[in-house]
């Protein structure tokens, strides 16, 4: 994660934020998974932690879905703009 924060290897700032968020979510889920072992004997604490764990997973999947849809929309918009520019150029000839 230090590499991602220091060098930010992705193309855009938003992509870097998404990757850092994923790393944090994976780290939290890995830590919370330890709670489901027999180290903690209280079933009430396990139940509360399970809700947090599922919440992190749901937020991560929702963020991925929104990011994917937005990237598809922006790429489609860019492709249509290029097509429109090329069509206008051909029409003027």
Protein backbone atom coordinates (compact mmCIF):
# COMPACT_ATOMS: atom_id res chain seq x y z
CA UNK A 1 0.00 0.00 0.00
CA UNK A 2 2.94 2.31 0.62
CA UNK A 3 3.94 1.85 -3.01
CA UNK A 4 0.47 2.91 -4.17
CA UNK A 5 0.48 5.98 -1.97
CA UNK A 6 4.04 7.03 -2.84
CA UNK A 7 4.13 6.41 -6.61
CA UNK A 8 0.44 6.42 -7.60
CA UNK A 9 0.92 4.18 -10.66
CA UNK A 10 -2.57 4.56 -12.15
CA UNK A 11 -3.50 6.96 -14.96
CA UNK A 12 -5.80 9.25 -12.99
CA UNK A 13 -6.15 10.53 -9.45
CA UNK A 14 -9.54 8.82 -9.10
CA UNK A 15 -8.10 5.45 -10.14
CA UNK A 16 -5.39 5.81 -7.52
CA UNK A 17 -8.01 6.54 -4.86
CA UNK A 18 -10.03 3.48 -5.86
CA UNK A 19 -6.95 1.23 -5.70
CA UNK A 20 -5.98 2.61 -2.28
CA UNK A 21 -9.56 2.10 -1.06
CA UNK A 22 -9.40 -1.52 -2.26
CA UNK A 23 -6.17 -2.12 -0.40
CA UNK A 24 -7.64 -0.69 2.80
CA UNK A 25 -10.81 -2.79 2.40
CA UNK A 26 -8.78 -5.97 1.85
CA UNK A 27 -6.66 -5.19 4.92
CA UNK A 28 -9.73 -4.56 7.11
CA UNK A 29 -11.48 -7.71 5.91
CA UNK A 30 -8.36 -9.76 6.58
CA UNK A 31 -8.17 -8.42 10.13
CA UNK A 32 -11.89 -8.89 10.74
CA UNK A 33 -11.69 -12.47 9.46
CA UNK A 34 -9.51 -13.31 12.45
CA UNK A 35 -12.45 -12.44 14.68
CA UNK A 36 -14.41 -15.36 13.24
CA UNK A 37 -11.87 -17.82 14.60
CA UNK A 38 -12.18 -19.30 18.08
CA UNK A 39 -9.98 -16.59 19.61
CA UNK A 40 -13.07 -14.55 20.48
CA UNK A 41 -15.61 -16.73 22.23
CA UNK A 42 -18.43 -14.18 22.46
CA UNK A 43 -20.95 -14.81 19.71
CA UNK A 44 -22.39 -11.29 20.15
CA UNK A 45 -19.08 -9.67 19.21
CA UNK A 46 -18.72 -12.02 16.25
CA UNK A 47 -22.21 -11.08 15.05
CA UNK A 48 -21.48 -7.33 15.30
CA UNK A 49 -18.15 -7.70 13.54
CA UNK A 50 -19.79 -9.80 10.82
CA UNK A 51 -22.14 -6.91 10.04
CA UNK A 52 -19.16 -4.57 9.65
CA UNK A 53 -17.38 -7.14 7.49
CA UNK A 54 -20.38 -7.55 5.19
CA UNK A 55 -20.79 -3.77 5.07
CA UNK A 56 -17.21 -3.31 3.88
CA UNK A 57 -17.74 -5.93 1.17
CA UNK A 58 -21.00 -4.28 0.02
CA UNK A 59 -19.41 -0.82 -0.13
CA UNK A 60 -16.47 -2.19 -2.10
CA UNK A 61 -18.71 -3.96 -4.63
CA UNK A 62 -20.92 -0.85 -4.96
CA UNK A 63 -17.89 1.38 -5.54
CA UNK A 64 -16.55 -1.05 -8.15
CA UNK A 65 -19.90 -1.12 -9.94
CA UNK A 66 -20.22 2.67 -10.01
CA UNK A 67 -16.62 3.07 -11.16
CA UNK A 68 -17.11 0.53 -13.93
CA UNK A 69 -20.33 2.15 -15.14
CA UNK A 70 -18.83 5.65 -15.08
CA UNK A 71 -15.75 4.53 -16.98
CA UNK A 72 -17.94 2.86 -19.61
CA UNK A 73 -20.09 5.98 -19.98
CA UNK A 74 -17.08 8.28 -20.33
CA UNK A 75 -15.37 5.98 -22.83
CA UNK A 76 -18.57 5.71 -24.87
CA UNK A 77 -18.98 9.49 -24.79
CA UNK A 78 -15.39 9.98 -25.94
CA UNK A 79 -15.84 7.45 -28.75
CA UNK A 80 -19.06 9.13 -29.91
CA UNK A 81 -17.38 12.55 -29.90
CA UNK A 82 -14.53 11.22 -32.05
CA UNK A 83 -17.04 9.60 -34.38
CA UNK A 84 -19.00 12.86 -34.67
CA UNK A 85 -15.84 14.86 -35.44
CA UNK A 86 -14.80 12.37 -38.13
CA UNK A 87 -18.31 12.34 -39.59
CA UNK A 88 -18.35 16.15 -39.82
CA UNK A 89 -14.95 16.13 -41.53
CA UNK A 90 -16.13 13.58 -44.08
CA UNK A 91 -19.37 15.48 -44.67
CA UNK A 92 -17.52 18.74 -45.40
CA UNK A 93 -15.38 17.10 -48.11
